[in-house]
Amino acid sequence: MKALKTVAVALGITLGALVVIPLVVLAGLFVWLKLTEESDEEALELDQESA
């Protein structure tokens, strides 16, 4: 019975990791996209002023 509980806990942790890790990666990509988008807009504004 203890082995079954151990397997169930391990399976739960694995499934949780399979859900959490992609969400963390997507959140990181979203933040990176927002940060680079702002710097791209600043670069465009500088180009327009110099033209």
C-alpha atoms as a PDB file:
ATOM      1  CA  MET A   1       0.000   0.000   0.000  1.00  0.00           C
ATOM      2  CA  LYS A   2       2.877   2.343   0.776  1.00  0.00           C
ATOM      3  CA  ALA A   3       4.432   1.671  -2.644  1.00  0.00           C
ATOM      4  CA  LEU A   4       1.142   2.589  -4.333  1.00  0.00           C
ATOM      5  CA  LYS A   5       1.004   5.853  -2.415  1.00  0.00           C
ATOM      6  CA  THR A   6       4.611   6.613  -3.390  1.00  0.00           C
ATOM      7  CA  VAL A   7       3.835   5.962  -7.056  1.00  0.00           C
ATOM      8  CA  ALA A   8       0.739   8.172  -6.851  1.00  0.00           C
ATOM      9  CA  VAL A   9       2.730  11.025  -5.288  1.00  0.00           C
ATOM     10  CA  ALA A  10       5.474  10.694  -7.908  1.00  0.00           C
ATOM     11  CA  LEU A  11       2.873  10.700 -10.684  1.00  0.00           C
ATOM     12  CA  GLY A  12       1.218  13.790  -9.207  1.00  0.00           C
ATOM     13  CA  ILE A  13       4.528  15.626  -8.995  1.00  0.00           C
ATOM     14  CA  THR A  14       5.368  14.665 -12.568  1.00  0.00           C
ATOM     15  CA  LEU A  15       2.012  15.822 -13.925  1.00  0.00           C
ATOM     16  CA  GLY A  16       2.291  19.039 -11.930  1.00  0.00           C
ATOM     17  CA  ALA A  17       5.743  19.691 -13.382  1.00  0.00           C
ATOM     18  CA  LEU A  18       4.437  19.032 -16.899  1.00  0.00           C
ATOM     19  CA  VAL A  19       1.843  21.768 -16.366  1.00  0.00           C
ATOM     20  CA  VAL A  20       3.915  24.291 -14.391  1.00  0.00           C
ATOM     21  CA  ILE A  21       7.146  24.269 -16.437  1.00  0.00           C
ATOM     22  CA  PRO A  22       5.548  25.257 -19.783  1.00  0.00           C
ATOM     23  CA  LEU A  23       3.551  27.989 -18.041  1.00  0.00           C
ATOM     24  CA  VAL A  24       6.738  29.413 -16.528  1.00  0.00           C
ATOM     25  CA  VAL A  25       8.446  29.296 -19.930  1.00  0.00           C
ATOM     26  CA  LEU A  26       5.516  31.060 -21.595  1.00  0.00           C
ATOM     27  CA  ALA A  27       5.429  33.709 -18.880  1.00  0.00           C
ATOM     28  CA  GLY A  28       9.151  34.317 -19.337  1.00  0.00           C
ATOM     29  CA  LEU A  29       8.752  34.640 -23.101  1.00  0.00           C
ATOM     30  CA  PHE A  30       5.852  37.059 -22.629  1.00  0.00           C
ATOM     31  CA  VAL A  31       7.904  39.263 -20.290  1.00  0.00           C
ATOM     32  CA  TRP A  32      10.881  39.148 -22.662  1.00  0.00           C
ATOM     33  CA  LEU A  33       8.640  40.095 -25.588  1.00  0.00           C
ATOM     34  CA  LYS A  34       7.196  43.044 -23.674  1.00  0.00           C
ATOM     35  CA  LEU A  35      10.654  44.274 -22.653  1.00  0.00           C
ATOM     36  CA  THR A  36      12.083  44.009 -26.159  1.00  0.00           C
ATOM     37  CA  GLU A  37       8.965  45.594 -27.657  1.00  0.00           C
ATOM     38  CA  GLU A  38       9.482  48.711 -25.527  1.00  0.00           C
ATOM     39  CA  SER A  39      13.145  48.979 -26.502  1.00  0.00           C
ATOM     40  CA  ASP A  40      12.212  48.543 -30.179  1.00  0.00           C
ATOM     41  CA  GLU A  41       9.730  51.406 -29.924  1.00  0.00           C
ATOM     42  CA  GLU A  42      12.392  53.642 -28.357  1.00  0.00           C
ATOM     43  CA  ALA A  43      14.798  52.784 -31.174  1.00  0.00           C
ATOM     44  CA  LEU A  44      12.139  53.636 -33.757  1.00  0.00           C
ATOM     45  CA  GLU A  45      11.435  56.961 -32.049  1.00  0.00           C
ATOM     46  CA  LEU A  46      15.152  57.823 -32.140  1.00  0.00           C
ATOM     47  CA  ASP A  47      15.336  56.926 -35.846  1.00  0.00           C
ATOM     48  CA  GLN A  48      12.348  59.131 -36.663  1.00  0.00           C
ATOM     49  CA  GLU A  49      13.796  62.106 -34.788  1.00  0.00           C
ATOM     50  CA  SER A  50      17.130  61.867 -36.585  1.00  0.00           C
ATOM     51  CA  ALA A  51      15.530  61.582 -40.033  1.00  0.00           C
END
